[in-house]
Amino acid sequence: MMNESPESPPAVMYFNAADPSGSAGLAADLASCSAVGCHPLPVTTALWVRDTAEIFDTIDIEADAVIEQARAVLEDVEISAWKVGFLGTVEVINAVAELLADYSQVPLVTYAGNFHVLDESQSDDYIKAMQELILPQTRVLTGNQSALTQLLLPDWEGEAPPTLEALMHKAHQFGVQYLLATGLLGGDGKVENVLLGPRRVLLRESFELFEAGFTGAGDTLSAALTAILANGVKLDQAVHEASEYLDHCLDFGYRPGMGQVVPDRFFWAQPAEEEDGQEAGNPAGGGPTLQ
């Protein structure tokens, strides 16, 4: 019997592209948010035509349609955090930025990724609009070093990539409060995730480097981070928990098609193996314990 007055989990709104392959975009956002104990509110900003290997085409959605989706939910549900992923067009960026400004107290995580799906003629205007309209409202900007460079320093021509400090400095100029750089190659077969504030490194963690090629890892991490922040967790702890969650998702990753490996966002629901090798069901209580 259902509890007469169940307590609702925190609600998190995600602006991202619909992904029919279940690899990235809103599919990753929805699963990751649910897996870490929040209620996802997915707002479709574009439609991807893709499989598990690549994105073949992007179908744009009118900006008014995007905002109508979001406002209908916002008039009904109180949100605790939100994430901006792929917004599709400059018109959608303008509209979403205006909406975000109406809820300036709600923490925003922005994921830098998927710029490669834009035509060269589109990418410059898209990145400029993100810099001017979305980044000033961003609490945490996350992405790998290449995507962060493309977003923050698109004219970079140095032989070596910019330092994390240079990326953070530029991000802070745009109004970003914190920068989470992911997938940095370290020594001894490790990768690092580094959280930076305007003046110093706040957190640096190392993880084993997986040999497989993954799709949707960045959306998974940023979606989980947004949901964990929605639960009121402090930023450095939230980054730690989100990174641990992603590491487990990758460890249990699977290949549903002929393309790349997809993170298992519900890895904890897989049957556990007992000592004698027999499978045992997942213990009661469900999702992962992220501490």
Protein backbone atom coordinates (compact mmCIF):
# COMPACT_ATOMS: atom_id res chain seq x y z
CA MET A 1 0.00 0.00 0.00
CA MET A 2 1.33 3.43 -0.96
CA ASN A 3 2.29 5.78 1.82
CA GLU A 4 -0.57 8.25 2.32
CA SER A 5 1.78 11.23 2.18
CA PRO A 6 4.98 10.16 0.42
CA GLU A 7 7.81 12.65 0.43
CA SER A 8 8.72 13.67 -3.10
CA PRO A 9 12.37 13.42 -4.11
CA PRO A 10 14.03 16.62 -5.35
CA ALA A 11 13.01 17.51 -8.91
CA VAL A 12 15.70 18.34 -11.47
CA MET A 13 15.11 19.86 -14.91
CA TYR A 14 17.30 18.85 -17.85
CA PHE A 15 17.56 20.75 -21.14
CA ASN A 16 19.06 18.38 -23.70
CA ALA A 17 18.58 16.60 -27.00
CA ALA A 18 16.42 13.48 -27.28
CA ASP A 19 18.60 10.43 -28.01
CA PRO A 20 16.76 7.41 -29.44
CA SER A 21 19.79 5.15 -28.93
CA GLY A 22 19.59 5.58 -25.14
CA SER A 23 23.29 6.50 -25.10
CA ALA A 24 23.49 10.17 -24.20
CA GLY A 25 21.40 13.32 -24.14
CA LEU A 26 18.11 13.18 -22.27
CA ALA A 27 18.25 9.39 -22.08
CA ALA A 28 21.42 9.62 -19.98
CA ASP A 29 20.05 12.52 -17.94
CA LEU A 30 16.81 10.77 -17.07
CA ALA A 31 18.42 7.47 -16.09
CA SER A 32 21.26 9.05 -14.08
CA CYS A 33 18.95 11.41 -12.22
CA SER A 34 16.58 8.58 -11.29
CA ALA A 35 19.44 6.30 -10.27
CA VAL A 36 20.75 8.74 -7.68
CA GLY A 37 17.35 9.42 -6.16
CA CYS A 38 15.84 12.47 -7.84
CA HIS A 39 12.85 13.08 -10.07
CA PRO A 40 13.89 14.09 -13.62
CA LEU A 41 12.06 16.73 -15.65
CA PRO A 42 13.39 16.29 -19.22
CA VAL A 43 12.90 19.17 -21.66
CA THR A 44 13.64 18.28 -25.29
CA THR A 45 15.72 20.94 -27.06
CA ALA A 46 16.54 19.02 -30.25
CA LEU A 47 16.15 15.56 -31.77
CA TRP A 48 19.16 13.46 -32.65
CA VAL A 49 19.12 10.92 -35.44
CA ARG A 50 21.76 8.51 -34.20
CA ASP A 51 22.83 5.03 -33.20
CA THR A 52 25.31 3.92 -30.55
CA ALA A 53 28.23 4.81 -32.82
CA GLU A 54 27.53 8.34 -34.05
CA ILE A 55 25.08 11.19 -34.52
CA PHE A 56 23.93 11.41 -38.14
CA ASP A 57 21.68 14.45 -37.97
CA THR A 58 20.08 16.96 -35.62
CA ILE A 59 16.46 18.01 -36.02
CA ASP A 60 15.87 21.47 -34.58
CA ILE A 61 12.95 22.36 -32.33
CA GLU A 62 11.38 25.80 -32.24
CA ALA A 63 12.45 27.86 -29.23
CA ASP A 64 8.83 28.54 -28.25
CA ALA A 65 8.17 24.79 -28.09
CA VAL A 66 11.13 24.29 -25.79
CA ILE A 67 10.01 27.03 -23.42
CA GLU A 68 6.39 25.85 -23.42
CA GLN A 69 7.61 22.42 -22.26
CA ALA A 70 9.62 23.93 -19.42
CA ARG A 71 7.12 26.53 -18.21
CA ALA A 72 4.26 24.03 -18.09
CA VAL A 73 6.27 21.93 -15.64
CA LEU A 74 7.71 24.85 -13.69
CA GLU A 75 4.21 26.10 -12.92
CA ASP A 76 3.48 22.72 -11.36
CA VAL A 77 6.70 21.41 -9.83
CA GLU A 78 9.29 23.13 -7.65
CA ILE A 79 12.76 22.33 -8.93
CA SER A 80 15.96 22.07 -6.90
CA ALA A 81 18.56 22.22 -9.70
CA TRP A 82 18.85 22.08 -13.45
CA LYS A 83 21.30 21.17 -16.18
CA VAL A 84 21.93 22.57 -19.63
CA GLY A 85 23.25 20.13 -22.19
CA PHE A 86 22.88 20.45 -25.97
CA LEU A 87 20.49 23.29 -26.87
CA GLY A 88 20.51 22.93 -30.65
CA THR A 89 20.25 26.51 -31.91
CA VAL A 90 21.08 30.06 -30.92
CA GLU A 91 17.35 30.81 -30.72
CA VAL A 92 16.88 28.07 -28.14
CA ILE A 93 19.91 29.32 -26.19
CA ASN A 94 18.37 32.80 -26.05
CA ALA A 95 15.02 31.46 -24.87
CA VAL A 96 16.46 29.08 -22.26
CA ALA A 97 18.76 31.80 -20.90
CA GLU A 98 15.78 34.10 -20.39
CA LEU A 99 13.97 31.33 -18.54
CA LEU A 100 16.97 30.57 -16.34
CA ALA A 101 17.17 34.21 -15.32
CA ASP A 102 13.67 33.96 -13.84
CA TYR A 103 14.94 31.30 -11.40
CA SER A 104 18.40 32.65 -10.59
CA GLN A 105 18.38 31.00 -7.16
CA VAL A 106 18.32 27.49 -8.70
CA PRO A 107 21.85 26.06 -9.20
CA LEU A 108 22.76 25.40 -12.83
CA VAL A 109 25.21 22.79 -14.13
CA THR A 110 26.26 23.30 -17.75
CA TYR A 111 27.79 20.42 -19.71
CA ALA A 112 30.19 21.36 -22.51
CA GLY A 113 29.91 18.69 -25.16
CA ASN A 114 28.56 17.64 -28.56
CA PHE A 115 29.82 20.74 -30.37
CA HIS A 116 30.98 18.37 -33.13
CA VAL A 117 27.39 17.87 -34.30
CA LEU A 118 27.16 21.53 -35.32
CA ASP A 119 28.10 22.71 -38.79
CA GLU A 120 31.11 25.01 -38.91
CA SER A 121 28.79 27.86 -39.89
CA GLN A 122 26.69 27.22 -36.77
CA SER A 123 29.32 26.49 -34.16
CA ASP A 124 30.80 30.00 -33.85
CA ASP A 125 27.43 31.65 -33.19
CA TYR A 126 26.34 28.79 -30.90
CA ILE A 127 29.48 29.01 -28.76
CA LYS A 128 29.30 32.81 -28.59
CA ALA A 129 25.68 32.62 -27.42
CA MET A 130 26.59 30.05 -24.77
CA GLN A 131 29.41 32.30 -23.54
CA GLU A 132 27.24 35.39 -23.32
CA LEU A 133 23.95 33.95 -22.08
CA ILE A 134 24.36 30.57 -20.35
CA LEU A 135 27.80 30.71 -18.75
CA PRO A 136 27.06 33.86 -16.69
CA GLN A 137 24.29 31.88 -14.97
CA THR A 138 26.32 28.68 -14.49
CA ARG A 139 27.37 27.47 -11.08
CA VAL A 140 29.39 24.48 -12.38
CA LEU A 141 30.72 24.10 -15.91
CA THR A 142 31.90 20.59 -16.74
CA GLY A 143 33.40 18.77 -19.71
CA ASN A 144 36.60 17.26 -20.98
CA GLN A 145 39.59 19.47 -21.74
CA SER A 146 38.94 19.54 -25.48
CA ALA A 147 35.29 20.59 -25.16
CA LEU A 148 36.08 23.16 -22.47
CA THR A 149 38.76 24.66 -24.70
CA GLN A 150 36.34 24.83 -27.63
CA LEU A 151 33.75 26.59 -25.49
CA LEU A 152 35.99 28.90 -23.48
CA LEU A 153 38.95 29.52 -25.79
CA PRO A 154 37.70 28.71 -29.31
CA ASP A 155 40.57 30.63 -30.95
CA TRP A 156 43.26 28.75 -29.02
CA GLU A 157 46.21 28.00 -31.32
CA GLY A 158 48.85 26.83 -28.86
CA GLU A 159 50.69 23.60 -29.57
CA ALA A 160 49.79 22.35 -26.10
CA PRO A 161 46.25 22.58 -24.70
CA PRO A 162 45.56 25.44 -22.28
CA THR A 163 46.20 24.77 -18.61
CA LEU A 164 43.31 24.15 -16.26
CA GLU A 165 44.11 27.44 -14.56
CA ALA A 166 43.77 29.25 -17.90
CA LEU A 167 40.43 27.55 -18.55
CA MET A 168 39.19 28.44 -15.07
CA HIS A 169 40.33 32.04 -15.47
CA LYS A 170 38.41 32.37 -18.72
CA ALA A 171 35.36 30.60 -17.31
CA HIS A 172 35.36 32.98 -14.32
CA GLN A 173 35.49 35.95 -16.71
CA PHE A 174 32.29 34.66 -18.28
CA GLY A 175 30.69 34.37 -14.85
CA VAL A 176 31.12 30.65 -14.14
CA GLN A 177 31.65 29.94 -10.45
CA TYR A 178 33.33 26.51 -10.66
CA LEU A 179 34.93 24.35 -13.33
CA LEU A 180 34.99 20.55 -13.38
CA ALA A 181 37.45 19.22 -15.96
CA THR A 182 37.06 15.50 -16.60
CA GLY A 183 38.95 12.65 -18.21
CA LEU A 184 42.39 14.24 -17.90
CA LEU A 185 45.15 11.76 -18.68
CA GLY A 186 47.44 11.19 -15.73
CA GLY A 187 50.20 8.73 -14.99
CA ASP A 188 50.04 5.00 -14.26
CA GLY A 189 47.02 4.37 -16.46
CA LYS A 190 44.84 6.83 -14.56
CA VAL A 191 42.47 9.61 -15.54
CA GLU A 192 41.70 12.60 -13.35
CA ASN A 193 38.68 14.75 -12.62
CA VAL A 194 39.64 18.16 -11.27
CA LEU A 195 37.31 20.68 -9.63
CA LEU A 196 38.56 24.27 -9.65
CA GLY A 197 37.39 27.47 -8.06
CA PRO A 198 38.55 30.95 -9.08
CA ARG A 199 41.64 30.79 -6.85
CA ARG A 200 42.57 27.14 -6.32
CA VAL A 201 41.99 23.48 -7.02
CA LEU A 202 39.21 22.23 -4.75
CA LEU A 203 39.30 18.52 -5.56
CA ARG A 204 41.46 16.19 -7.64
CA GLU A 205 40.58 12.50 -8.00
CA SER A 206 42.09 9.68 -10.05
CA PHE A 207 40.32 6.73 -11.65
CA GLU A 208 41.37 3.74 -13.70
CA LEU A 209 41.49 4.38 -17.45
CA PHE A 210 39.05 2.15 -19.33
CA GLU A 211 40.20 0.87 -22.71
CA ALA A 212 36.68 0.81 -24.19
CA GLY A 213 35.18 3.74 -26.05
CA PHE A 214 32.11 5.10 -24.26
CA THR A 215 29.25 7.28 -25.37
CA GLY A 216 27.22 9.30 -22.88
CA ALA A 217 29.80 9.42 -20.08
CA GLY A 218 29.83 13.22 -19.91
CA ASP A 219 26.06 13.48 -19.81
CA THR A 220 25.97 10.78 -17.13
CA LEU A 221 28.43 12.58 -14.86
CA SER A 222 26.87 16.02 -15.28
CA ALA A 223 23.34 14.68 -14.80
CA ALA A 224 24.32 12.83 -11.62
CA LEU A 225 26.18 15.87 -10.28
CA THR A 226 23.12 18.05 -10.85
CA ALA A 227 20.87 15.59 -9.04
CA ILE A 228 23.25 15.20 -6.10
CA LEU A 229 23.49 18.98 -5.74
CA ALA A 230 19.68 19.04 -5.73
CA ASN A 231 19.84 16.95 -2.56
CA GLY A 232 21.74 19.74 -0.83
CA VAL A 233 25.17 18.08 -0.89
CA LYS A 234 28.19 20.40 -0.78
CA LEU A 235 29.91 20.86 -4.13
CA ASP A 236 33.18 19.01 -3.50
CA GLN A 237 31.32 16.05 -1.98
CA ALA A 238 28.79 16.11 -4.81
CA VAL A 239 31.59 15.98 -7.39
CA HIS A 240 33.18 13.08 -5.52
CA GLU A 241 29.91 11.14 -5.40
CA ALA A 242 29.10 11.84 -9.05
CA SER A 243 32.58 10.75 -10.14
CA GLU A 244 32.31 7.54 -8.11
CA TYR A 245 28.90 6.89 -9.63
CA LEU A 246 30.24 7.35 -13.17
CA ASP A 247 33.19 5.08 -12.43
CA HIS A 248 30.80 2.29 -11.44
CA CYS A 249 28.60 2.98 -14.48
CA LEU A 250 31.61 2.59 -16.77
CA ASP A 251 32.81 -0.49 -14.95
CA PHE A 252 29.46 -2.17 -15.68
CA GLY A 253 29.14 -0.66 -19.16
CA TYR A 254 27.66 -2.72 -21.97
CA ARG A 255 27.41 -2.59 -25.77
CA PRO A 256 23.73 -2.70 -26.81
CA GLY A 257 24.53 -2.41 -30.52
CA MET A 258 27.52 -2.42 -32.85
CA GLY A 259 28.81 0.97 -31.70
CA GLN A 260 30.30 2.23 -28.48
CA VAL A 261 29.85 1.07 -24.91
CA VAL A 262 27.03 2.67 -22.90
CA PRO A 263 27.44 3.32 -19.14
CA ASP A 264 25.15 1.16 -17.01
CA ARG A 265 23.38 3.84 -14.99
CA PHE A 266 21.54 1.19 -12.98
CA PHE A 267 24.58 -0.98 -12.30
CA TRP A 268 23.40 -1.55 -8.74
CA ALA A 269 20.29 -3.33 -10.03
CA GLN A 270 22.37 -6.08 -11.68
CA PRO A 271 22.27 -9.50 -9.97
CA ALA A 272 25.09 -9.82 -7.46
CA GLU A 273 27.36 -12.87 -7.46
CA GLU A 274 27.62 -14.86 -4.28
CA GLU A 275 30.87 -16.42 -3.18
CA ASP A 276 30.02 -19.75 -4.79
CA GLY A 277 29.49 -18.03 -8.13
CA GLN A 278 25.69 -18.22 -8.01
CA GLU A 279 23.79 -15.07 -8.83
CA ALA A 280 21.82 -13.40 -6.10
CA GLY A 281 19.26 -10.66 -6.51
CA ASN A 282 20.05 -7.07 -5.64
CA PRO A 283 19.50 -6.47 -1.91
CA ALA A 284 16.35 -4.66 -0.92
CA GLY A 285 16.70 -0.93 -0.87
CA GLY A 286 17.47 -0.34 -4.52
CA GLY A 287 19.91 2.31 -5.65
CA PRO A 288 23.54 3.07 -5.03
CA THR A 289 24.92 4.40 -1.77
CA LEU A 290 27.01 7.42 -2.72
CA GLN A 291 29.11 8.64 0.15
